[in-house]
Structures are given as C-alpha cells and as structure tokens.
Amino acid sequence: PIVDEDTWYTVQKIRETKHKPSKRGEPNPLTGLMFCADCGAKMFNHRTGGYEKKDKDGNPTGKYTNAQDNYHCSTYSLNKGKFINCCSMHHVRTDVVRDLILETLKATAGFVRKHEEEFIAKVRNETTIQRADAAKALQKKLSREQKRTNELNQLIKKIYEDNVIGKLTDKRFEMLLSDYEQEQADLETSIQNTQKQLSNFEEDNTRIDKFMELVRKYTDFSELTTPMIHEFIDKIVVHEADKSTGERIQQIDVYLKYVGRLDVPMPELTPEQRKEEERKHKKRAWNRTYMRRRYEREKAERKAAEMAEIGATV
C-alpha cells in the first residue's frame, strides 16, 4: 500500500465532513470531531469577522467587536429557525477547545514518558470500564441479528413450500422473497460490522502500542497543529454550560485515538499561572456585574421612554 492503514482511515474520516474555509481560506480542523453530549449530533462551526458597533440611532461608534469562532449543537441550530425547541446551544469557543486539547496532549505525553507502566495499566483499566457497557450492548445486538437471520431462513423455506403446493401465488412469493433476501443482506453486513467492533475491544495491546508510537513521534507540544489534531483526537464531547453557581462552568471530554478518554494528573499551576487565573476570575466577575447593571439601566430607560410616550399620547 502507498500509505499505512491508520493514515488511510484518518483521511477517510476527514473527508466524511465538509470543512468550509473561512474568508481567509482556512477551514477549522475541529469540524467533524465536535459532538453534543446531550443529543449526540455533530456541532456546527460559526465564524464571523469583527464589525463596527452602532448606537441606538444606527450611527457608527468607532468601536469594533472581536471576530467570533465558536461551535453550537447542530440540532439546536437547525431547529431554532423553525421555532422548535430541540436540544440547547452548547456554545463553546474554538480557542477554549484548542487550549484544552493542547493541555490534554501535554499532560498525557508527559505522563506516558515518566510513568509508562502505570499509563499502560491505567489505559487497560479505564478502557475496560468504558467499553464494558458498549460491548454488552453490541453482544445483545449480535444475538438479535443472528436470531433474526435464522428466522428469515425458516421463512424463506416456508414460502418456497407454500408456493410449491399452491398456497402462495408466484407474484406474492417473488415479493416476499425479495424483501427477505434484502433484509438478510442488510443483517449480514450489520453482523460483520458488529463482530469487527467486538474484536476491536480485545486489541488493547495493539492500541496502546500505536498510541505510544504516536507520542514518541512528537517531541514538541508547545503549539497545537492540524496534523496533531487529526492524529491524536478521536472526538470531543461538549456538555451544556452550568451557570447555577454564578460562574459559567462547562465540561468538555476529549477522547484520544486508541485510548479513549483518560484522567491523567494535570501539572500544577506555577505562581505566574495562578496569578493570571485569579486576574481572569476577577475580570469575569467584573464583566458579569457590569452587564447586569447595564441591562437594568437600559431596561429602566426603555420603561421611562414608554411611559413618556404614553403620557404624550394622552
């Protein structure tokens, strides 16, 4: 073969999803990898350039908004125009996801290099837990499909006999036979795929070796590149943000190829990083207070304007 099997399947997976380029001609490499945690649908990428703000009278203010690059649940996006409540937005910024991916790769690669044996044991333990329910469901599906295949064999045999003795017309026989054979063909394809998925669950050693080779291939994790995303990332599952505490907290699960979702120890923050996090926390708190006061002020102004208009009309 011209290319290895892993590269071939990676390219086919990329081609399954359309990657629309931005105005600068750059497609987002995360498209096709982002999934909604609630409905399971893929997430749409939304990008806009910065534009000049206008005041309430429509006059330019000289202030500009920042360019936006984020993801929304496709189920939500496709149905909101129809005024149908399906799922929720699951809004997440692209730069946040990219930072999380880079942190995950750094932490995982560092853990692999320092604690190889512990990493292998951790992968086997966590993948066993994650795949136990999936394997059980696949086994039940396989049993159902095999049972139905046997039933179809009996049905085909019966309609042959009924056709021979004249209980079933030739036209009806041909129609039923065509339906049964088509269902059998679909079941055979599904059984093969199910058996392949079950056999993949038993290839822990091969998967771990492939991931170790991938980690050794990269010596620099200072910057996230498109090849790194395609080679390391299997999928990213985005949960809806939780705002119950006053802070916006959002869970994002990163699934790595060959090993799935792992909880490896994250490096402790340096004093400089801790200071920067505190600064961001204070800024977010200030922004929330500012926006709340602004909303209340504008609401009061609108109400006063309405009352003034009513008074003038009277």
C-alpha atoms as a PDB file:
ATOM      1  CA  PRO A   1       0.000   0.000   0.000  1.00  0.00           C
ATOM      2  CA  ILE A   2       1.048   3.585  -0.683  1.00  0.00           C
ATOM      3  CA  VAL A   3       0.037   4.727   2.827  1.00  0.00           C
ATOM      4  CA  ASP A   4      -0.418   2.825   6.096  1.00  0.00           C
ATOM      5  CA  GLU A   5      -3.886   1.728   7.249  1.00  0.00           C
ATOM      6  CA  ASP A   6      -4.192   4.302  10.058  1.00  0.00           C
ATOM      7  CA  THR A   7      -3.430   7.202   7.700  1.00  0.00           C
ATOM      8  CA  TRP A   8      -5.964   5.881   5.192  1.00  0.00           C
ATOM      9  CA  TYR A   9      -8.778   5.716   7.754  1.00  0.00           C
ATOM     10  CA  THR A  10      -7.858   9.127   9.176  1.00  0.00           C
ATOM     11  CA  VAL A  11      -8.168  10.702   5.711  1.00  0.00           C
ATOM     12  CA  GLN A  12     -11.489   8.944   5.068  1.00  0.00           C
ATOM     13  CA  LYS A  13     -12.857  10.251   8.378  1.00  0.00           C
ATOM     14  CA  ILE A  14     -11.788  13.810   7.487  1.00  0.00           C
ATOM     15  CA  ARG A  15     -13.474  13.529   4.082  1.00  0.00           C
ATOM     16  CA  GLU A  16     -16.778  12.446   5.660  1.00  0.00           C
ATOM     17  CA  THR A  17     -17.348  16.021   6.891  1.00  0.00           C
ATOM     18  CA  LYS A  18     -17.334  19.164   4.772  1.00  0.00           C
ATOM     19  CA  HIS A  19     -14.792  21.691   6.025  1.00  0.00           C
ATOM     20  CA  LYS A  20     -15.870  25.135   4.852  1.00  0.00           C
ATOM     21  CA  PRO A  21     -12.968  27.620   4.620  1.00  0.00           C
ATOM     22  CA  SER A  22     -13.147  30.991   6.331  1.00  0.00           C
ATOM     23  CA  LYS A  23     -12.737  34.289   4.450  1.00  0.00           C
ATOM     24  CA  ARG A  24      -9.008  33.768   4.789  1.00  0.00           C
ATOM     25  CA  GLY A  25      -9.334  30.296   3.236  1.00  0.00           C
ATOM     26  CA  GLU A  26      -8.636  28.368   6.430  1.00  0.00           C
ATOM     27  CA  PRO A  27     -11.023  25.512   7.350  1.00  0.00           C
ATOM     28  CA  ASN A  28     -11.437  24.687  11.046  1.00  0.00           C
ATOM     29  CA  PRO A  29      -9.777  21.283  11.703  1.00  0.00           C
ATOM     30  CA  LEU A  30     -12.076  20.616  14.671  1.00  0.00           C
ATOM     31  CA  THR A  31     -15.166  20.376  12.449  1.00  0.00           C
ATOM     32  CA  GLY A  32     -16.389  16.771  12.374  1.00  0.00           C
ATOM     33  CA  LEU A  33     -14.771  15.980  15.737  1.00  0.00           C
ATOM     34  CA  MET A  34     -17.109  18.040  17.957  1.00  0.00           C
ATOM     35  CA  PHE A  35     -20.255  16.348  19.320  1.00  0.00           C
ATOM     36  CA  CYS A  36     -23.121  17.415  21.578  1.00  0.00           C
ATOM     37  CA  ALA A  37     -23.177  15.474  24.864  1.00  0.00           C
ATOM     38  CA  ASP A  38     -26.989  15.512  25.099  1.00  0.00           C
ATOM     39  CA  CYS A  39     -28.291  14.647  21.620  1.00  0.00           C
ATOM     40  CA  GLY A  40     -25.084  13.185  20.134  1.00  0.00           C
ATOM     41  CA  ALA A  41     -25.239  15.338  16.996  1.00  0.00           C
ATOM     42  CA  LYS A  42     -22.221  16.974  15.409  1.00  0.00           C
ATOM     43  CA  MET A  43     -21.610  20.621  16.235  1.00  0.00           C
ATOM     44  CA  PHE A  44     -21.599  23.412  13.663  1.00  0.00           C
ATOM     45  CA  ASN A  45     -18.753  25.897  13.419  1.00  0.00           C
ATOM     46  CA  HIS A  46     -19.814  29.570  13.354  1.00  0.00           C
ATOM     47  CA  ARG A  47     -17.278  32.236  12.391  1.00  0.00           C
ATOM     48  CA  THR A  48     -17.723  35.977  11.944  1.00  0.00           C
ATOM     49  CA  GLY A  49     -15.310  38.826  11.348  1.00  0.00           C
ATOM     50  CA  GLY A  50     -15.207  41.866  13.614  1.00  0.00           C
ATOM     51  CA  TYR A  51     -17.576  44.698  12.692  1.00  0.00           C
ATOM     52  CA  GLU A  52     -18.124  48.306  13.743  1.00  0.00           C
ATOM     53  CA  LYS A  53     -20.667  48.867  16.512  1.00  0.00           C
ATOM     54  CA  LYS A  54     -23.559  51.278  16.107  1.00  0.00           C
ATOM     55  CA  ASP A  55     -25.512  53.305  18.631  1.00  0.00           C
ATOM     56  CA  LYS A  56     -29.270  53.057  19.165  1.00  0.00           C
ATOM     57  CA  ASP A  57     -29.849  55.514  16.281  1.00  0.00           C
ATOM     58  CA  GLY A  58     -27.787  53.397  13.859  1.00  0.00           C
ATOM     59  CA  ASN A  59     -24.745  55.692  13.765  1.00  0.00           C
ATOM     60  CA  PRO A  60     -21.208  54.209  13.748  1.00  0.00           C
ATOM     61  CA  THR A  61     -19.466  54.455  17.135  1.00  0.00           C
ATOM     62  CA  GLY A  62     -15.876  53.848  16.043  1.00  0.00           C
ATOM     63  CA  LYS A  63     -15.725  50.743  18.262  1.00  0.00           C
ATOM     64  CA  TYR A  64     -15.326  47.260  16.814  1.00  0.00           C
ATOM     65  CA  THR A  65     -16.335  43.811  18.016  1.00  0.00           C
ATOM     66  CA  ASN A  66     -13.876  40.937  18.095  1.00  0.00           C
ATOM     67  CA  ALA A  67     -14.029  38.186  15.466  1.00  0.00           C
ATOM     68  CA  GLN A  68     -16.028  35.150  16.654  1.00  0.00           C
ATOM     69  CA  ASP A  69     -15.138  31.481  16.162  1.00  0.00           C
ATOM     70  CA  ASN A  70     -17.279  29.020  18.100  1.00  0.00           C
ATOM     71  CA  TYR A  71     -19.335  25.827  17.943  1.00  0.00           C
ATOM     72  CA  HIS A  72     -23.060  25.197  18.528  1.00  0.00           C
ATOM     73  CA  CYS A  73     -25.093  21.989  18.625  1.00  0.00           C
ATOM     74  CA  SER A  74     -26.343  21.309  15.071  1.00  0.00           C
ATOM     75  CA  THR A  75     -29.723  20.026  16.329  1.00  0.00           C
ATOM     76  CA  TYR A  76     -30.291  23.353  18.088  1.00  0.00           C
ATOM     77  CA  SER A  77     -29.041  25.414  15.129  1.00  0.00           C
ATOM     78  CA  LEU A  78     -31.181  23.606  12.548  1.00  0.00           C
ATOM     79  CA  ASN A  79     -34.392  23.863  14.581  1.00  0.00           C
ATOM     80  CA  LYS A  80     -34.229  27.332  16.151  1.00  0.00           C
ATOM     81  CA  GLY A  81     -35.307  28.947  12.857  1.00  0.00           C
ATOM     82  CA  LYS A  82     -38.401  26.743  12.869  1.00  0.00           C
ATOM     83  CA  PHE A  83     -39.196  27.834  16.454  1.00  0.00           C
ATOM     84  CA  ILE A  84     -38.813  24.220  17.619  1.00  0.00           C
ATOM     85  CA  ASN A  85     -37.144  23.591  20.965  1.00  0.00           C
ATOM     86  CA  CYS A  86     -34.698  20.761  20.249  1.00  0.00           C
ATOM     87  CA  CYS A  87     -31.658  20.343  22.494  1.00  0.00           C
ATOM     88  CA  SER A  88     -29.791  23.525  23.556  1.00  0.00           C
ATOM     89  CA  MET A  89     -26.957  25.645  22.191  1.00  0.00           C
ATOM     90  CA  HIS A  90     -23.944  24.050  23.972  1.00  0.00           C
ATOM     91  CA  HIS A  91     -21.961  27.140  22.939  1.00  0.00           C
ATOM     92  CA  VAL A  92     -18.181  26.812  23.199  1.00  0.00           C
ATOM     93  CA  ARG A  93     -15.378  28.953  21.761  1.00  0.00           C
ATOM     94  CA  THR A  94     -12.902  27.300  19.413  1.00  0.00           C
ATOM     95  CA  ASP A  95      -9.884  28.798  21.193  1.00  0.00           C
ATOM     96  CA  VAL A  96     -11.067  27.289  24.508  1.00  0.00           C
ATOM     97  CA  VAL A  97     -11.285  23.815  22.920  1.00  0.00           C
ATOM     98  CA  ARG A  98      -7.882  24.165  21.273  1.00  0.00           C
ATOM     99  CA  ASP A  99      -6.285  25.206  24.581  1.00  0.00           C
ATOM    100  CA  LEU A 100      -7.899  22.224  26.315  1.00  0.00           C
ATOM    101  CA  ILE A 101      -6.659  19.808  23.624  1.00  0.00           C
ATOM    102  CA  LEU A 102      -3.114  21.139  23.915  1.00  0.00           C
ATOM    103  CA  GLU A 103      -3.184  20.877  27.737  1.00  0.00           C
ATOM    104  CA  THR A 104      -4.527  17.312  27.476  1.00  0.00           C
ATOM    105  CA  LEU A 105      -1.831  16.268  24.998  1.00  0.00           C
ATOM    106  CA  LYS A 106       0.924  17.847  27.073  1.00  0.00           C
ATOM    107  CA  ALA A 107      -0.272  16.181  30.286  1.00  0.00           C
ATOM    108  CA  THR A 108      -0.809  12.784  28.623  1.00  0.00           C
ATOM    109  CA  ALA A 109       2.518  12.793  26.762  1.00  0.00           C
ATOM    110  CA  GLY A 110       4.368  13.847  29.922  1.00  0.00           C
ATOM    111  CA  PHE A 111       2.653  11.121  31.947  1.00  0.00           C
ATOM    112  CA  VAL A 112       3.472   8.476  29.300  1.00  0.00           C
ATOM    113  CA  ARG A 113       7.167   9.375  29.230  1.00  0.00           C
ATOM    114  CA  LYS A 114       7.579   9.445  33.004  1.00  0.00           C
ATOM    115  CA  HIS A 115       5.265   6.596  34.041  1.00  0.00           C
ATOM    116  CA  GLU A 116       4.975   4.235  31.091  1.00  0.00           C
ATOM    117  CA  GLU A 117       3.973   1.092  33.023  1.00  0.00           C
ATOM    118  CA  GLU A 118       1.435   2.982  35.126  1.00  0.00           C
ATOM    119  CA  PHE A 119      -0.014   4.556  31.966  1.00  0.00           C
ATOM    120  CA  ILE A 120      -0.463   1.144  30.296  1.00  0.00           C
ATOM    121  CA  ALA A 121      -2.228  -0.206  33.394  1.00  0.00           C
ATOM    122  CA  LYS A 122      -4.409   2.927  33.568  1.00  0.00           C
ATOM    123  CA  VAL A 123      -5.431   2.646  29.909  1.00  0.00           C
ATOM    124  CA  ARG A 124      -6.379  -1.014  30.286  1.00  0.00           C
ATOM    125  CA  ASN A 125      -8.374  -0.326  33.434  1.00  0.00           C
ATOM    126  CA  GLU A 126     -10.262   2.731  32.129  1.00  0.00           C
ATOM    127  CA  THR A 127     -10.945   1.318  28.651  1.00  0.00           C
ATOM    128  CA  THR A 128     -12.295  -1.859  30.240  1.00  0.00           C
ATOM    129  CA  ILE A 129     -14.762   0.216  32.285  1.00  0.00           C
ATOM    130  CA  GLN A 130     -15.707   2.472  29.367  1.00  0.00           C
ATOM    131  CA  ARG A 131     -16.200  -0.399  26.919  1.00  0.00           C
ATOM    132  CA  ALA A 132     -17.945  -2.887  29.202  1.00  0.00           C
ATOM    133  CA  ASP A 133     -21.427  -1.439  28.607  1.00  0.00           C
ATOM    134  CA  ALA A 134     -20.750  -0.899  24.901  1.00  0.00           C
ATOM    135  CA  ALA A 135     -19.532  -4.481  24.464  1.00  0.00           C
ATOM    136  CA  LYS A 136     -22.589  -5.813  26.313  1.00  0.00           C
ATOM    137  CA  ALA A 137     -24.915  -3.797  24.058  1.00  0.00           C
ATOM    138  CA  LEU A 138     -23.080  -4.997  20.942  1.00  0.00           C
ATOM    139  CA  GLN A 139     -23.307  -8.611  22.094  1.00  0.00           C
ATOM    140  CA  LYS A 140     -27.080  -8.265  22.578  1.00  0.00           C
ATOM    141  CA  LYS A 141     -27.381  -6.658  19.140  1.00  0.00           C
ATOM    142  CA  LEU A 142     -25.366  -9.503  17.584  1.00  0.00           C
ATOM    143  CA  SER A 143     -27.592 -12.112  19.234  1.00  0.00           C
ATOM    144  CA  ARG A 144     -30.746 -10.386  17.961  1.00  0.00           C
ATOM    145  CA  GLU A 145     -29.389 -10.143  14.428  1.00  0.00           C
ATOM    146  CA  GLN A 146     -28.268 -13.777  14.351  1.00  0.00           C
ATOM    147  CA  LYS A 147     -31.660 -14.879  15.692  1.00  0.00           C
ATOM    148  CA  ARG A 148     -33.452 -12.847  13.029  1.00  0.00           C
ATOM    149  CA  THR A 149     -31.197 -14.362  10.317  1.00  0.00           C
ATOM    150  CA  ASN A 150     -32.239 -17.856  11.414  1.00  0.00           C
ATOM    151  CA  GLU A 151     -35.898 -16.778  11.398  1.00  0.00           C
ATOM    152  CA  LEU A 152     -35.539 -15.468   7.841  1.00  0.00           C
ATOM    153  CA  ASN A 153     -34.054 -18.769   6.701  1.00  0.00           C
ATOM    154  CA  GLN A 154     -37.111 -20.546   8.088  1.00  0.00           C
ATOM    155  CA  LEU A 155     -39.490 -18.024   6.492  1.00  0.00           C
ATOM    156  CA  ILE A 156     -37.833 -18.376   3.081  1.00  0.00           C
ATOM    157  CA  LYS A 157     -38.077 -22.164   3.348  1.00  0.00           C
ATOM    158  CA  LYS A 158     -41.779 -21.870   4.284  1.00  0.00           C
ATOM    159  CA  ILE A 159     -42.739 -19.570   1.387  1.00  0.00           C
ATOM    160  CA  TYR A 160     -40.974 -21.943  -1.022  1.00  0.00           C
ATOM    161  CA  GLU A 161     -43.103 -24.807   0.288  1.00  0.00           C
ATOM    162  CA  ASP A 162     -46.294 -22.685   0.195  1.00  0.00           C
ATOM    163  CA  ASN A 163     -45.532 -21.659  -3.377  1.00  0.00           C
ATOM    164  CA  VAL A 164     -44.960 -25.252  -4.473  1.00  0.00           C
ATOM    165  CA  ILE A 165     -48.262 -26.532  -3.033  1.00  0.00           C
ATOM    166  CA  GLY A 166     -50.166 -23.529  -4.373  1.00  0.00           C
ATOM    167  CA  LYS A 167     -50.924 -21.719  -1.094  1.00  0.00           C
ATOM    168  CA  LEU A 168     -48.869 -18.700  -2.254  1.00  0.00           C
ATOM    169  CA  THR A 169     -49.074 -17.088  -5.693  1.00  0.00           C
ATOM    170  CA  ASP A 170     -45.914 -16.604  -7.746  1.00  0.00           C
ATOM    171  CA  LYS A 171     -46.273 -12.800  -7.576  1.00  0.00           C
ATOM    172  CA  ARG A 172     -46.630 -12.806  -3.805  1.00  0.00           C
ATOM    173  CA  PHE A 173     -43.779 -15.298  -3.491  1.00  0.00           C
ATOM    174  CA  GLU A 174     -41.390 -13.135  -5.529  1.00  0.00           C
ATOM    175  CA  MET A 175     -42.271 -10.039  -3.491  1.00  0.00           C
ATOM    176  CA  LEU A 176     -41.755 -11.766  -0.118  1.00  0.00           C
ATOM    177  CA  LEU A 177     -38.566 -13.465  -1.269  1.00  0.00           C
ATOM    178  CA  SER A 178     -37.122 -10.139  -2.437  1.00  0.00           C
ATOM    179  CA  ASP A 179     -37.927  -8.477   0.910  1.00  0.00           C
ATOM    180  CA  TYR A 180     -36.493 -11.352   2.958  1.00  0.00           C
ATOM    181  CA  GLU A 181     -33.299 -11.557   0.912  1.00  0.00           C
ATOM    182  CA  GLN A 182     -32.750  -7.803   1.168  1.00  0.00           C
ATOM    183  CA  GLU A 183     -33.215  -7.963   4.959  1.00  0.00           C
ATOM    184  CA  GLN A 184     -30.775 -10.891   5.104  1.00  0.00           C
ATOM    185  CA  ALA A 185     -28.155  -8.950   3.135  1.00  0.00           C
ATOM    186  CA  ASP A 186     -28.519  -5.944   5.468  1.00  0.00           C
ATOM    187  CA  LEU A 187     -28.245  -8.215   8.514  1.00  0.00           C
ATOM    188  CA  GLU A 188     -25.108  -9.916   7.187  1.00  0.00           C
ATOM    189  CA  THR A 189     -23.419  -6.521   6.733  1.00  0.00           C
ATOM    190  CA  SER A 190     -24.511  -5.404  10.202  1.00  0.00           C
ATOM    191  CA  ILE A 191     -23.308  -8.685  11.783  1.00  0.00           C
ATOM    192  CA  GLN A 192     -19.889  -8.305  10.185  1.00  0.00           C
ATOM    193  CA  ASN A 193     -19.576  -4.731  11.482  1.00  0.00           C
ATOM    194  CA  THR A 194     -20.725  -5.742  14.961  1.00  0.00           C
ATOM    195  CA  GLN A 195     -18.259  -8.642  15.099  1.00  0.00           C
ATOM    196  CA  LYS A 196     -15.482  -6.300  13.972  1.00  0.00           C
ATOM    197  CA  GLN A 197     -16.320  -3.811  16.745  1.00  0.00           C
ATOM    198  CA  LEU A 198     -16.326  -6.602  19.332  1.00  0.00           C
ATOM    199  CA  SER A 199     -12.962  -7.873  18.128  1.00  0.00           C
ATOM    200  CA  ASN A 200     -11.552  -4.346  18.377  1.00  0.00           C
ATOM    201  CA  PHE A 201     -12.328  -4.365  22.108  1.00  0.00           C
ATOM    202  CA  GLU A 202      -9.843  -7.205  22.512  1.00  0.00           C
ATOM    203  CA  GLU A 203      -6.896  -5.405  20.891  1.00  0.00           C
ATOM    204  CA  ASP A 204      -5.725  -3.421  23.925  1.00  0.00           C
ATOM    205  CA  ASN A 205      -2.025  -4.186  23.465  1.00  0.00           C
ATOM    206  CA  THR A 206      -2.057  -3.145  19.798  1.00  0.00           C
ATOM    207  CA  ARG A 207      -3.920   0.086  20.541  1.00  0.00           C
ATOM    208  CA  ILE A 208      -1.605   1.021  23.400  1.00  0.00           C
ATOM    209  CA  ASP A 209       1.475   0.379  21.254  1.00  0.00           C
ATOM    210  CA  LYS A 210       0.079   2.600  18.496  1.00  0.00           C
ATOM    211  CA  PHE A 211      -0.579   5.416  20.951  1.00  0.00           C
ATOM    212  CA  MET A 212       2.915   5.095  22.429  1.00  0.00           C
ATOM    213  CA  GLU A 213       4.402   5.340  18.936  1.00  0.00           C
ATOM    214  CA  LEU A 214       2.319   8.441  18.294  1.00  0.00           C
ATOM    215  CA  VAL A 215       3.544  10.119  21.500  1.00  0.00           C
ATOM    216  CA  ARG A 216       7.170   9.314  20.649  1.00  0.00           C
ATOM    217  CA  LYS A 217       6.661  10.767  17.164  1.00  0.00           C
ATOM    218  CA  TYR A 218       6.079  14.253  18.622  1.00  0.00           C
ATOM    219  CA  THR A 219       8.765  15.893  20.730  1.00  0.00           C
ATOM    220  CA  ASP A 220       7.251  19.395  20.778  1.00  0.00           C
ATOM    221  CA  PHE A 221       3.808  20.090  22.249  1.00  0.00           C
ATOM    222  CA  SER A 222       4.239  23.856  22.570  1.00  0.00           C
ATOM    223  CA  GLU A 223       1.808  24.554  19.713  1.00  0.00           C
ATOM    224  CA  LEU A 224      -1.284  22.686  18.521  1.00  0.00           C
ATOM    225  CA  THR A 225      -1.101  21.906  14.799  1.00  0.00           C
ATOM    226  CA  THR A 226      -3.693  20.481  12.408  1.00  0.00           C
ATOM    227  CA  PRO A 227      -1.774  17.172  11.922  1.00  0.00           C
ATOM    228  CA  MET A 228      -1.681  16.731  15.716  1.00  0.00           C
ATOM    229  CA  ILE A 229      -5.473  17.199  15.921  1.00  0.00           C
ATOM    230  CA  HIS A 230      -6.139  14.624  13.202  1.00  0.00           C
ATOM    231  CA  GLU A 231      -3.641  12.090  14.575  1.00  0.00           C
ATOM    232  CA  PHE A 232      -4.443  12.353  18.292  1.00  0.00           C
ATOM    233  CA  ILE A 233      -8.123  13.302  18.569  1.00  0.00           C
ATOM    234  CA  ASP A 234     -10.931  10.794  18.085  1.00  0.00           C
ATOM    235  CA  LYS A 235     -13.782  13.058  19.210  1.00  0.00           C
ATOM    236  CA  ILE A 236     -14.660  15.928  21.577  1.00  0.00           C
ATOM    237  CA  VAL A 237     -17.917  15.798  23.537  1.00  0.00           C
ATOM    238  CA  VAL A 238     -19.290  19.156  24.727  1.00  0.00           C
ATOM    239  CA  HIS A 239     -21.746  19.404  27.640  1.00  0.00           C
ATOM    240  CA  GLU A 240     -24.105  22.314  28.257  1.00  0.00           C
ATOM    241  CA  ALA A 241     -22.633  25.017  30.482  1.00  0.00           C
ATOM    242  CA  ASP A 242     -23.701  25.121  34.146  1.00  0.00           C
ATOM    243  CA  LYS A 243     -24.370  28.646  35.484  1.00  0.00           C
ATOM    244  CA  SER A 244     -26.032  27.663  38.782  1.00  0.00           C
ATOM    245  CA  THR A 245     -23.077  28.910  40.868  1.00  0.00           C
ATOM    246  CA  GLY A 246     -22.863  32.284  39.115  1.00  0.00           C
ATOM    247  CA  GLU A 247     -19.771  31.099  37.230  1.00  0.00           C
ATOM    248  CA  ARG A 248     -20.027  29.557  33.776  1.00  0.00           C
ATOM    249  CA  ILE A 249     -18.649  26.016  34.145  1.00  0.00           C
ATOM    250  CA  GLN A 250     -18.605  23.693  31.145  1.00  0.00           C
ATOM    251  CA  GLN A 251     -17.486  20.086  30.898  1.00  0.00           C
ATOM    252  CA  ILE A 252     -15.647  19.091  27.718  1.00  0.00           C
ATOM    253  CA  ASP A 253     -14.499  15.486  27.237  1.00  0.00           C
ATOM    254  CA  VAL A 254     -11.505  14.863  24.966  1.00  0.00           C
ATOM    255  CA  TYR A 255     -11.297  11.326  23.539  1.00  0.00           C
ATOM    256  CA  LEU A 256      -7.868  10.355  22.231  1.00  0.00           C
ATOM    257  CA  LYS A 257      -7.362   7.818  19.481  1.00  0.00           C
ATOM    258  CA  TYR A 258      -6.607   4.258  20.614  1.00  0.00           C
ATOM    259  CA  VAL A 259      -7.030   5.030  24.338  1.00  0.00           C
ATOM    260  CA  GLY A 260     -10.291   6.999  24.671  1.00  0.00           C
ATOM    261  CA  ARG A 261     -10.924   9.471  27.494  1.00  0.00           C
ATOM    262  CA  LEU A 262      -8.259   9.388  30.202  1.00  0.00           C
ATOM    263  CA  ASP A 263      -7.940  11.227  33.512  1.00  0.00           C
ATOM    264  CA  VAL A 264      -4.214  11.824  33.830  1.00  0.00           C
ATOM    265  CA  PRO A 265      -2.743  14.100  36.531  1.00  0.00           C
ATOM    266  CA  MET A 266      -2.584  17.666  35.254  1.00  0.00           C
ATOM    267  CA  PRO A 267       0.550  19.672  36.085  1.00  0.00           C
ATOM    268  CA  GLU A 268       0.211  22.136  38.969  1.00  0.00           C
ATOM    269  CA  LEU A 269      -0.052  25.796  38.075  1.00  0.00           C
ATOM    270  CA  THR A 270       3.027  27.956  38.504  1.00  0.00           C
ATOM    271  CA  PRO A 271       2.716  31.112  40.668  1.00  0.00           C
ATOM    272  CA  GLU A 272       2.540  33.187  37.476  1.00  0.00           C
ATOM    273  CA  GLN A 273      -0.226  30.983  36.021  1.00  0.00           C
ATOM    274  CA  ARG A 274      -2.134  31.050  39.310  1.00  0.00           C
ATOM    275  CA  LYS A 275      -1.901  34.839  39.371  1.00  0.00           C
ATOM    276  CA  GLU A 276      -3.167  35.007  35.770  1.00  0.00           C
ATOM    277  CA  GLU A 277      -6.126  32.738  36.610  1.00  0.00           C
ATOM    278  CA  GLU A 278      -7.042  34.974  39.555  1.00  0.00           C
ATOM    279  CA  ARG A 279      -6.881  38.011  37.282  1.00  0.00           C
ATOM    280  CA  LYS A 280      -9.209  36.334  34.759  1.00  0.00           C
ATOM    281  CA  HIS A 281     -11.585  35.310  37.541  1.00  0.00           C
ATOM    282  CA  LYS A 282     -11.821  38.909  38.794  1.00  0.00           C
ATOM    283  CA  LYS A 283     -12.305  40.206  35.254  1.00  0.00           C
ATOM    284  CA  ARG A 284     -15.158  37.760  34.619  1.00  0.00           C
ATOM    285  CA  ALA A 285     -16.813  38.764  37.894  1.00  0.00           C
ATOM    286  CA  TRP A 286     -16.487  42.463  36.974  1.00  0.00           C
ATOM    287  CA  ASN A 287     -17.933  41.807  33.494  1.00  0.00           C
ATOM    288  CA  ARG A 288     -20.924  39.976  34.975  1.00  0.00           C
ATOM    289  CA  THR A 289     -21.621  42.863  37.374  1.00  0.00           C
ATOM    290  CA  TYR A 290     -21.192  45.433  34.600  1.00  0.00           C
ATOM    291  CA  MET A 291     -23.510  43.626  32.183  1.00  0.00           C
ATOM    292  CA  ARG A 292     -26.164  43.119  34.868  1.00  0.00           C
ATOM    293  CA  ARG A 293     -26.121  46.829  35.807  1.00  0.00           C
ATOM    294  CA  ARG A 294     -26.166  47.812  32.142  1.00  0.00           C
ATOM    295  CA  TYR A 295     -29.179  45.581  31.490  1.00  0.00           C
ATOM    296  CA  GLU A 296     -31.070  47.059  34.451  1.00  0.00           C
ATOM    297  CA  ARG A 297     -30.211  50.609  33.354  1.00  0.00           C
ATOM    298  CA  GLU A 298     -31.329  50.034  29.760  1.00  0.00           C
ATOM    299  CA  LYS A 299     -34.492  48.329  30.994  1.00  0.00           C
ATOM    300  CA  ALA A 300     -35.300  51.354  33.186  1.00  0.00           C
ATOM    301  CA  GLU A 301     -34.601  53.717  30.267  1.00  0.00           C
ATOM    302  CA  ARG A 302     -36.918  51.765  27.957  1.00  0.00           C
ATOM    303  CA  LYS A 303     -39.670  51.764  30.566  1.00  0.00           C
ATOM    304  CA  ALA A 304     -39.271  55.527  31.131  1.00  0.00           C
ATOM    305  CA  ALA A 305     -39.408  56.136  27.366  1.00  0.00           C
ATOM    306  CA  GLU A 306     -42.570  54.048  27.077  1.00  0.00           C
ATOM    307  CA  MET A 307     -44.222  55.947  29.940  1.00  0.00           C
ATOM    308  CA  ALA A 308     -43.224  59.283  28.374  1.00  0.00           C
ATOM    309  CA  GLU A 309     -44.682  58.181  25.030  1.00  0.00           C
ATOM    310  CA  ILE A 310     -47.918  57.126  26.712  1.00  0.00           C
ATOM    311  CA  GLY A 311     -48.098  60.489  28.548  1.00  0.00           C
ATOM    312  CA  ALA A 312     -47.505  62.422  25.312  1.00  0.00           C
ATOM    313  CA  THR A 313     -50.244  60.433  23.548  1.00  0.00           C
ATOM    314  CA  VAL A 314     -52.709  61.143  26.353  1.00  0.00           C
END
